[in-house]
N, C-alpha and C. Protein backbone atom coordinates (compact mmCIF):
# COMPACT_ATOMS: atom_id res chain seq x y z
N MET A 1 179.51 112.21 130.50
CA MET A 1 179.90 111.08 131.33
C MET A 1 178.64 110.34 131.82
N PRO A 2 178.60 109.01 131.65
CA PRO A 2 177.41 108.25 132.07
C PRO A 2 177.16 108.34 133.57
N HIS A 3 175.89 108.37 133.92
CA HIS A 3 175.47 108.41 135.31
C HIS A 3 175.91 107.13 136.02
N VAL A 4 176.19 107.21 137.31
CA VAL A 4 176.70 106.08 138.08
C VAL A 4 175.70 104.91 138.08
N ASP A 5 174.39 105.18 138.12
CA ASP A 5 173.39 104.10 138.08
C ASP A 5 173.41 103.41 136.72
N PHE A 6 173.60 104.17 135.65
CA PHE A 6 173.68 103.61 134.31
C PHE A 6 174.89 102.68 134.20
N LYS A 7 176.03 103.13 134.73
CA LYS A 7 177.25 102.31 134.70
C LYS A 7 177.07 101.04 135.52
N ARG A 8 176.40 101.16 136.67
CA ARG A 8 176.16 99.99 137.52
C ARG A 8 175.27 98.99 136.76
N GLY A 9 174.27 99.49 136.03
CA GLY A 9 173.40 98.62 135.24
C GLY A 9 174.16 97.89 134.15
N LEU A 10 175.02 98.60 133.42
CA LEU A 10 175.82 97.96 132.38
C LEU A 10 176.74 96.89 132.96
N GLN A 11 177.30 97.18 134.13
CA GLN A 11 178.19 96.20 134.76
C GLN A 11 177.42 94.95 135.18
N ALA A 12 176.22 95.12 135.70
CA ALA A 12 175.39 93.96 136.09
C ALA A 12 175.07 93.10 134.87
N GLU A 13 174.71 93.74 133.76
CA GLU A 13 174.41 93.01 132.53
C GLU A 13 175.62 92.19 132.10
N LYS A 14 176.79 92.81 132.11
CA LYS A 14 178.03 92.15 131.71
C LYS A 14 178.36 90.99 132.64
N ASP A 15 178.24 91.23 133.95
CA ASP A 15 178.55 90.18 134.93
C ASP A 15 177.64 88.96 134.75
N PHE A 16 176.34 89.21 134.58
CA PHE A 16 175.39 88.10 134.40
C PHE A 16 175.70 87.34 133.12
N ALA A 17 175.81 88.05 132.01
CA ALA A 17 176.03 87.39 130.72
C ALA A 17 177.32 86.58 130.72
N GLU A 18 178.40 87.17 131.17
CA GLU A 18 179.69 86.48 131.14
C GLU A 18 179.76 85.32 132.12
N SER A 19 178.99 85.36 133.19
CA SER A 19 179.02 84.30 134.20
C SER A 19 178.08 83.15 133.89
N TYR A 20 176.96 83.42 133.22
CA TYR A 20 175.91 82.40 133.13
C TYR A 20 175.44 82.04 131.73
N LEU A 21 175.67 82.88 130.74
CA LEU A 21 175.12 82.61 129.41
C LEU A 21 176.15 82.06 128.44
N LYS A 22 175.69 81.16 127.59
CA LYS A 22 176.51 80.66 126.48
C LYS A 22 176.03 81.36 125.22
N ASP A 23 176.94 81.60 124.31
CA ASP A 23 176.62 82.14 122.99
C ASP A 23 175.73 83.38 123.08
N PHE A 24 176.12 84.31 123.93
CA PHE A 24 175.25 85.48 124.13
C PHE A 24 175.53 86.59 123.12
N GLU A 25 174.50 87.40 122.89
CA GLU A 25 174.64 88.59 122.05
C GLU A 25 173.86 89.72 122.71
N TRP A 26 174.37 90.92 122.54
CA TRP A 26 173.78 92.10 123.16
C TRP A 26 172.64 92.64 122.32
N ALA A 27 171.65 93.20 122.97
CA ALA A 27 170.55 93.87 122.28
C ALA A 27 171.08 95.12 121.60
N THR A 28 170.45 95.50 120.52
CA THR A 28 170.74 96.79 119.91
C THR A 28 170.15 97.88 120.81
N LYS A 29 170.50 99.11 120.56
CA LYS A 29 169.93 100.21 121.34
C LYS A 29 168.41 100.21 121.23
N HIS A 30 167.89 100.00 120.03
CA HIS A 30 166.44 99.97 119.82
C HIS A 30 165.80 98.82 120.61
N GLN A 31 166.39 97.62 120.54
CA GLN A 31 165.85 96.47 121.27
C GLN A 31 165.88 96.73 122.76
N ASN A 32 166.94 97.31 123.24
CA ASN A 32 167.07 97.61 124.67
C ASN A 32 166.00 98.61 125.11
N MET A 33 165.83 99.68 124.35
CA MET A 33 164.92 100.75 124.76
C MET A 33 163.45 100.43 124.52
N PHE A 34 163.13 99.74 123.43
CA PHE A 34 161.73 99.56 123.07
C PHE A 34 161.21 98.13 123.25
N GLU A 35 162.10 97.15 123.18
CA GLU A 35 161.69 95.77 123.42
C GLU A 35 162.01 95.34 124.85
N HIS A 36 162.83 96.14 125.53
CA HIS A 36 163.17 95.94 126.93
C HIS A 36 163.86 94.60 127.22
N TRP A 37 164.94 94.36 126.48
CA TRP A 37 165.82 93.26 126.85
C TRP A 37 167.27 93.69 126.60
N ASP A 38 168.17 93.09 127.35
CA ASP A 38 169.58 93.49 127.31
C ASP A 38 170.46 92.51 126.56
N VAL A 39 170.22 91.23 126.79
CA VAL A 39 171.12 90.22 126.25
C VAL A 39 170.31 88.96 125.93
N LYS A 40 170.72 88.28 124.86
CA LYS A 40 170.09 87.02 124.46
C LYS A 40 171.16 85.95 124.50
N GLY A 41 170.83 84.81 125.10
CA GLY A 41 171.80 83.73 125.17
C GLY A 41 171.18 82.49 125.77
N ILE A 42 171.98 81.47 125.90
CA ILE A 42 171.53 80.18 126.43
C ILE A 42 171.91 80.08 127.90
N LEU A 43 170.91 79.91 128.73
CA LEU A 43 171.10 79.61 130.16
C LEU A 43 170.66 78.17 130.32
N SER A 44 171.62 77.25 130.34
CA SER A 44 171.31 75.82 130.23
C SER A 44 170.38 75.31 131.33
N ASP A 45 170.30 75.99 132.47
CA ASP A 45 169.36 75.57 133.52
C ASP A 45 167.92 75.78 133.09
N LEU A 46 167.68 76.67 132.11
CA LEU A 46 166.33 76.99 131.67
C LEU A 46 165.99 76.40 130.31
N SER A 47 166.94 76.42 129.38
CA SER A 47 166.64 76.03 128.01
C SER A 47 167.93 75.85 127.23
N GLU A 48 167.85 75.08 126.18
CA GLU A 48 168.99 74.93 125.27
C GLU A 48 168.84 75.87 124.07
N ARG A 49 167.77 76.66 124.04
CA ARG A 49 167.60 77.65 122.99
C ARG A 49 167.87 79.03 123.58
N PRO A 50 168.29 79.98 122.77
CA PRO A 50 168.55 81.33 123.29
C PRO A 50 167.28 81.98 123.84
N LEU A 51 167.42 82.64 124.96
CA LEU A 51 166.34 83.39 125.60
C LEU A 51 166.78 84.84 125.75
N LYS A 52 165.80 85.73 125.89
CA LYS A 52 166.09 87.16 126.08
C LYS A 52 165.98 87.48 127.57
N PHE A 53 166.98 88.21 128.07
CA PHE A 53 167.04 88.57 129.48
C PHE A 53 167.11 90.08 129.64
N ASP A 54 166.34 90.60 130.58
CA ASP A 54 166.43 92.00 130.97
C ASP A 54 167.04 92.01 132.36
N VAL A 55 168.26 92.47 132.48
CA VAL A 55 169.03 92.40 133.73
C VAL A 55 168.84 93.69 134.52
N LYS A 56 168.47 93.55 135.79
CA LYS A 56 168.23 94.69 136.67
C LYS A 56 169.28 94.69 137.78
N ALA A 57 170.10 95.72 137.79
CA ALA A 57 171.10 95.87 138.85
C ALA A 57 170.40 96.22 140.16
N LEU A 58 171.08 96.00 141.25
CA LEU A 58 170.56 96.46 142.55
C LEU A 58 170.27 97.95 142.47
N LYS A 59 169.17 98.36 143.04
CA LYS A 59 168.79 99.78 142.99
C LYS A 59 168.45 100.30 144.37
N LYS A 60 168.46 101.61 144.47
CA LYS A 60 168.00 102.28 145.67
C LYS A 60 166.48 102.35 145.61
N ILE A 61 165.84 102.34 146.75
CA ILE A 61 164.39 102.51 146.79
C ILE A 61 164.05 103.98 146.53
N ASN A 62 164.80 104.88 147.15
CA ASN A 62 164.63 106.31 146.93
C ASN A 62 165.96 106.88 146.44
N LYS A 63 165.90 107.87 145.57
CA LYS A 63 167.14 108.46 145.04
C LYS A 63 168.07 108.94 146.15
N SER A 64 167.48 109.40 147.25
CA SER A 64 168.28 109.95 148.34
C SER A 64 168.92 108.88 149.22
N ASP A 65 168.54 107.61 149.04
CA ASP A 65 169.12 106.54 149.86
C ASP A 65 170.61 106.42 149.60
N LYS A 66 171.34 106.10 150.64
CA LYS A 66 172.78 105.93 150.51
C LYS A 66 173.11 104.60 149.82
N ASP A 67 172.37 103.56 150.17
CA ASP A 67 172.68 102.21 149.69
C ASP A 67 171.56 101.64 148.83
N THR A 68 171.91 100.62 148.06
CA THR A 68 170.91 99.89 147.29
C THR A 68 170.15 98.94 148.20
N SER A 69 169.02 98.44 147.72
CA SER A 69 168.19 97.53 148.50
C SER A 69 168.24 96.12 147.92
N ASP A 70 168.44 95.14 148.79
CA ASP A 70 168.40 93.75 148.40
C ASP A 70 167.01 93.16 148.67
N ASP A 71 166.14 93.95 149.32
CA ASP A 71 164.82 93.47 149.73
C ASP A 71 163.71 93.84 148.77
N CYS A 72 163.77 95.01 148.19
CA CYS A 72 162.69 95.53 147.33
C CYS A 72 163.28 96.13 146.07
N THR A 73 162.42 96.23 145.05
CA THR A 73 162.81 96.91 143.84
C THR A 73 161.56 97.48 143.18
N TRP A 74 161.76 98.45 142.32
CA TRP A 74 160.67 99.04 141.56
C TRP A 74 160.41 98.19 140.33
N ILE A 75 159.14 98.01 139.99
CA ILE A 75 158.73 97.35 138.76
C ILE A 75 158.17 98.43 137.85
N GLU A 76 158.71 98.54 136.64
CA GLU A 76 158.30 99.60 135.72
C GLU A 76 157.18 99.12 134.81
N GLY A 77 155.95 99.58 135.11
CA GLY A 77 154.80 99.27 134.27
C GLY A 77 154.68 100.24 133.11
N THR A 78 154.93 101.51 133.39
CA THR A 78 154.90 102.57 132.38
C THR A 78 156.13 103.43 132.62
N ASN A 79 156.88 103.71 131.57
CA ASN A 79 158.10 104.48 131.78
C ASN A 79 157.81 105.98 131.83
N VAL A 80 158.84 106.77 132.03
CA VAL A 80 158.67 108.23 132.19
C VAL A 80 158.14 108.91 130.94
N ASN A 81 158.24 108.24 129.79
CA ASN A 81 157.70 108.80 128.54
C ASN A 81 156.25 108.40 128.31
N GLY A 82 155.70 107.59 129.22
CA GLY A 82 154.33 107.12 129.05
C GLY A 82 154.21 105.85 128.23
N ASP A 83 155.34 105.27 127.84
CA ASP A 83 155.35 104.03 127.05
C ASP A 83 155.37 102.82 127.99
N ALA A 84 155.12 101.65 127.42
CA ALA A 84 155.15 100.42 128.21
C ALA A 84 156.52 100.26 128.87
N GLY A 85 156.51 99.93 130.14
CA GLY A 85 157.74 99.72 130.89
C GLY A 85 158.29 98.32 130.66
N TRP A 86 159.41 98.02 131.31
CA TRP A 86 160.11 96.77 131.05
C TRP A 86 159.31 95.52 131.41
N ILE A 87 158.40 95.61 132.37
CA ILE A 87 157.61 94.44 132.74
C ILE A 87 156.68 94.01 131.60
N LYS A 88 156.39 94.94 130.68
CA LYS A 88 155.53 94.66 129.53
C LYS A 88 156.35 94.48 128.26
N GLY A 89 157.66 94.27 128.40
CA GLY A 89 158.55 94.17 127.26
C GLY A 89 158.55 92.80 126.61
N GLN A 90 159.61 92.52 125.88
CA GLN A 90 159.71 91.28 125.12
C GLN A 90 160.75 90.31 125.66
N SER A 91 161.27 90.58 126.85
CA SER A 91 162.23 89.62 127.41
C SER A 91 161.48 88.37 127.86
N ASP A 92 162.20 87.27 127.86
CA ASP A 92 161.64 86.02 128.40
C ASP A 92 161.76 86.02 129.92
N TYR A 93 162.88 86.55 130.41
CA TYR A 93 163.15 86.55 131.86
C TYR A 93 163.67 87.91 132.31
N ILE A 94 163.30 88.25 133.53
CA ILE A 94 163.88 89.40 134.22
C ILE A 94 164.89 88.82 135.21
N VAL A 95 166.08 89.37 135.22
CA VAL A 95 167.13 88.91 136.12
C VAL A 95 167.46 90.04 137.09
N PHE A 96 167.24 89.78 138.38
CA PHE A 96 167.52 90.77 139.41
C PHE A 96 168.83 90.45 140.08
N GLU A 97 169.72 91.43 140.10
CA GLU A 97 170.96 91.28 140.85
C GLU A 97 170.63 91.36 142.33
N ARG A 98 171.20 90.47 143.12
CA ARG A 98 171.07 90.49 144.57
C ARG A 98 172.48 90.71 145.13
N ASN A 99 172.59 90.90 146.42
CA ASN A 99 173.92 91.12 147.00
C ASN A 99 174.86 89.95 146.75
N ASP A 100 174.36 88.73 146.87
CA ASP A 100 175.22 87.55 146.75
C ASP A 100 174.73 86.54 145.71
N SER A 101 173.78 86.94 144.86
CA SER A 101 173.24 85.99 143.89
C SER A 101 172.45 86.74 142.82
N TRP A 102 171.76 85.99 141.99
CA TRP A 102 170.88 86.53 140.96
C TRP A 102 169.53 85.84 141.11
N THR A 103 168.45 86.55 140.85
CA THR A 103 167.11 85.97 140.83
C THR A 103 166.58 86.12 139.42
N CYS A 104 166.24 85.01 138.81
CA CYS A 104 165.78 84.97 137.42
C CYS A 104 164.31 84.57 137.43
N ILE A 105 163.44 85.46 136.92
CA ILE A 105 161.99 85.24 136.98
C ILE A 105 161.39 85.40 135.59
N GLU A 106 160.52 84.47 135.23
CA GLU A 106 159.82 84.57 133.96
C GLU A 106 159.03 85.88 133.94
N ARG A 107 159.25 86.70 132.92
CA ARG A 107 158.65 88.03 132.87
C ARG A 107 157.13 87.99 132.92
N VAL A 108 156.50 87.13 132.14
CA VAL A 108 155.03 87.06 132.11
C VAL A 108 154.48 86.65 133.48
N ALA A 109 155.12 85.71 134.14
CA ALA A 109 154.68 85.29 135.47
C ALA A 109 154.82 86.44 136.46
N LEU A 110 155.90 87.20 136.37
CA LEU A 110 156.09 88.34 137.26
C LEU A 110 155.03 89.41 137.00
N LEU A 111 154.73 89.67 135.73
CA LEU A 111 153.70 90.65 135.38
C LEU A 111 152.36 90.25 136.00
N LYS A 112 151.98 88.99 135.87
CA LYS A 112 150.71 88.52 136.44
C LYS A 112 150.72 88.64 137.96
N TRP A 113 151.83 88.28 138.60
CA TRP A 113 151.94 88.32 140.05
C TRP A 113 151.81 89.76 140.55
N VAL A 114 152.51 90.68 139.91
CA VAL A 114 152.47 92.09 140.32
C VAL A 114 151.06 92.65 140.13
N ALA A 115 150.43 92.35 139.01
CA ALA A 115 149.07 92.83 138.76
C ALA A 115 148.12 92.34 139.84
N GLN A 116 148.26 91.08 140.25
CA GLN A 116 147.39 90.54 141.31
C GLN A 116 147.66 91.23 142.64
N LYS A 117 148.92 91.48 142.97
CA LYS A 117 149.27 92.17 144.22
C LYS A 117 148.65 93.56 144.25
N ILE A 118 148.69 94.27 143.12
CA ILE A 118 148.12 95.61 143.04
C ILE A 118 146.60 95.55 143.20
N ARG A 119 145.96 94.58 142.54
CA ARG A 119 144.50 94.42 142.69
C ARG A 119 144.14 94.08 144.13
N ASP A 120 144.91 93.18 144.74
CA ASP A 120 144.64 92.78 146.13
C ASP A 120 144.71 93.97 147.08
N LYS A 121 145.57 94.92 146.80
CA LYS A 121 145.74 96.10 147.65
C LYS A 121 144.69 97.17 147.34
N GLY A 122 143.94 97.00 146.27
CA GLY A 122 142.91 97.98 145.94
C GLY A 122 143.36 99.07 144.98
N VAL A 123 144.41 98.81 144.22
CA VAL A 123 144.94 99.73 143.22
C VAL A 123 145.16 101.12 143.82
N LYS A 124 145.95 101.17 144.86
CA LYS A 124 146.29 102.43 145.52
C LYS A 124 147.49 103.07 144.85
N THR A 125 147.54 104.40 144.92
CA THR A 125 148.72 105.12 144.44
C THR A 125 149.54 105.55 145.64
N GLY A 126 150.82 105.67 145.44
CA GLY A 126 151.74 106.07 146.50
C GLY A 126 153.09 105.43 146.27
N LYS A 127 153.92 105.43 147.30
CA LYS A 127 155.24 104.82 147.19
C LYS A 127 155.36 103.60 148.08
N GLY A 128 154.23 103.07 148.54
CA GLY A 128 154.24 101.89 149.39
C GLY A 128 154.36 100.61 148.58
N LEU A 129 154.50 99.51 149.30
CA LEU A 129 154.62 98.20 148.69
C LEU A 129 153.35 97.88 147.91
N TYR A 130 153.51 97.49 146.65
CA TYR A 130 152.40 97.13 145.74
C TYR A 130 151.44 98.29 145.50
N GLU A 131 151.98 99.50 145.42
CA GLU A 131 151.20 100.67 145.07
C GLU A 131 151.74 101.23 143.76
N LEU A 132 150.88 101.95 143.05
CA LEU A 132 151.27 102.54 141.78
C LEU A 132 151.90 103.90 142.02
N TYR A 133 153.08 104.09 141.46
CA TYR A 133 153.83 105.33 141.64
C TYR A 133 154.33 105.78 140.29
N GLN A 134 154.22 107.07 140.00
CA GLN A 134 154.70 107.64 138.74
C GLN A 134 155.66 108.77 139.05
N ARG A 135 156.90 108.66 138.54
CA ARG A 135 157.85 109.76 138.70
C ARG A 135 157.37 110.95 137.90
N GLU A 136 157.71 112.12 138.37
CA GLU A 136 157.35 113.35 137.64
C GLU A 136 158.39 113.64 136.58
């Protein structure tokens, strides 16, 4: 049986695609896992050509938290296998689910912004804002 977070992620992808994209198609398992995108389609506010989107459902900051956070989210630079995380993937945009909306950010711009925030903080490790954290 799929984990509840996995199901929530699939639902967010479906909700975004069905609500906002024209002529969409789903990524294959390989594209999802290694290219880090979920759905390709036309979002007319951005482009008349198909773009790749990696949709991120609301998440908890800590596994033990009761509720998801609308204020913060984790950015995956390196995944648990040591491979490039979704911020280094091939999506054109990262789409974050919010409580009452969606935030769509150009992936490359987000990668540059996060890298600068980490440098500004002095490349600290920990679980604080703009710190590098690696799950065990």
